[in-house]
Protein backbone atom coordinates (compact mmCIF):
# COMPACT_ATOMS: atom_id res chain seq x y z
CA UNK A 1 2.47 -10.75 0.18
CA UNK A 2 1.38 -11.91 3.48
CA UNK A 3 3.75 -12.81 6.55
CA UNK A 4 1.08 -14.78 8.47
CA UNK A 5 3.23 -15.91 11.00
CA UNK A 6 3.84 -12.25 11.96
CA UNK A 7 0.53 -11.16 10.79
CA UNK A 8 2.31 -8.57 8.34
CA UNK A 9 0.53 -7.96 5.22
CA UNK A 10 2.46 -6.19 2.42
CA UNK A 11 0.98 -4.41 -0.55
CA UNK A 12 2.67 -2.74 -3.71
CA UNK A 13 0.30 -0.42 -5.06
CA UNK A 14 0.50 1.04 -8.78
CA UNK A 15 1.12 4.65 -8.35
CA UNK A 16 -1.45 5.64 -11.02
CA UNK A 17 -4.41 3.13 -10.00
CA UNK A 18 -3.93 3.78 -6.00
CA UNK A 19 -3.79 7.73 -6.47
CA UNK A 20 -0.10 8.64 -5.63
CA UNK A 21 -0.16 12.65 -6.22
CA UNK A 22 2.68 12.65 -8.62
CA UNK A 23 0.74 10.43 -11.08
CA UNK A 24 -2.86 11.30 -10.70
CA UNK A 25 -4.88 14.58 -9.78
CA UNK A 26 -8.60 14.54 -9.58
CA UNK A 27 -10.02 16.37 -12.50
CA UNK A 28 -7.06 15.72 -14.45
CA UNK A 29 -8.88 12.62 -16.00
CA UNK A 30 -12.33 11.88 -17.47
CA UNK A 31 -15.01 11.17 -14.69
CA UNK A 32 -14.90 7.62 -15.04
CA UNK A 33 -11.33 7.20 -14.26
CA UNK A 34 -11.43 10.06 -11.46
CA UNK A 35 -14.32 7.64 -9.87
CA UNK A 36 -12.20 4.35 -10.39
CA UNK A 37 -9.21 5.74 -8.87
CA UNK A 38 -11.22 7.21 -5.52
CA UNK A 39 -12.80 3.95 -5.23
CA UNK A 40 -9.43 2.10 -5.30
CA UNK A 41 -8.34 4.46 -2.78
CA UNK A 42 -11.42 4.03 -0.64
CA UNK A 43 -11.19 0.14 -0.55
CA UNK A 44 -7.23 0.32 0.23
CA UNK A 45 -8.43 2.42 3.42
CA UNK A 46 -11.30 -0.20 4.26
CA UNK A 47 -8.65 -3.05 3.83
CA UNK A 48 -6.37 -1.29 5.98
CA UNK A 49 -8.81 -0.33 8.73
CA UNK A 50 -9.49 -4.13 8.70
CA UNK A 51 -6.17 -5.73 8.83
CA UNK A 52 -5.22 -3.46 11.68
CA UNK A 53 -8.66 -4.37 13.45
CA UNK A 54 -7.52 -7.91 12.92
CA UNK A 55 -4.16 -7.21 14.75
CA UNK A 56 -2.19 -7.36 11.37
CA UNK A 57 0.54 -4.92 10.50
CA UNK A 58 0.00 -3.17 6.83
CA UNK A 59 3.10 -2.10 4.90
CA UNK A 60 2.16 -0.27 1.46
CA UNK A 61 4.84 0.43 -0.87
CA UNK A 62 4.72 2.32 -4.11
CA UNK A 63 5.29 0.52 -7.25
CA UNK A 64 8.20 3.28 -8.38
CA UNK A 65 9.77 2.62 -4.92
CA UNK A 66 10.72 -0.71 -5.79
CA UNK A 67 12.44 0.24 -8.98
CA UNK A 68 14.06 3.04 -7.23
CA UNK A 69 15.50 1.92 -3.97
CA UNK A 70 14.73 -1.84 -3.57
CA UNK A 71 17.53 -2.03 -0.47
CA UNK A 72 15.59 0.49 1.56
CA UNK A 73 12.32 -1.39 1.16
CA UNK A 74 14.07 -4.76 2.12
CA UNK A 75 15.23 -2.78 5.19
CA UNK A 76 11.60 -1.24 5.96
CA UNK A 77 10.21 -4.69 5.93
CA UNK A 78 12.81 -6.39 8.10
CA UNK A 79 12.25 -3.93 10.45
CA UNK A 80 8.38 -4.46 10.20
CA UNK A 81 8.92 -8.26 10.71
CA UNK A 82 11.08 -7.77 13.60
CA UNK A 83 8.49 -5.24 15.32
CA UNK A 84 5.90 -7.73 14.95
CA UNK A 85 7.71 -10.69 16.61
CA UNK A 86 6.77 -11.32 20.03
């Protein structure tokens, strides 16, 4: 999701696919999956860096966070949008 007016980019990352420690541990899966998830994580880092360098704020949320506590995430996004406003 992108709030272009305030340059805030929001990503919802799948915990397995983006390497959350509770869902993925290196060496636990086959070589293919380990490499795939490492590439995903490296891509996330590159995207974050590129967006920040372009003046954007980056918010990354885990999929399970949305399921467990959506109200706190709404508050987090409000805070980010408020901080991004001139």
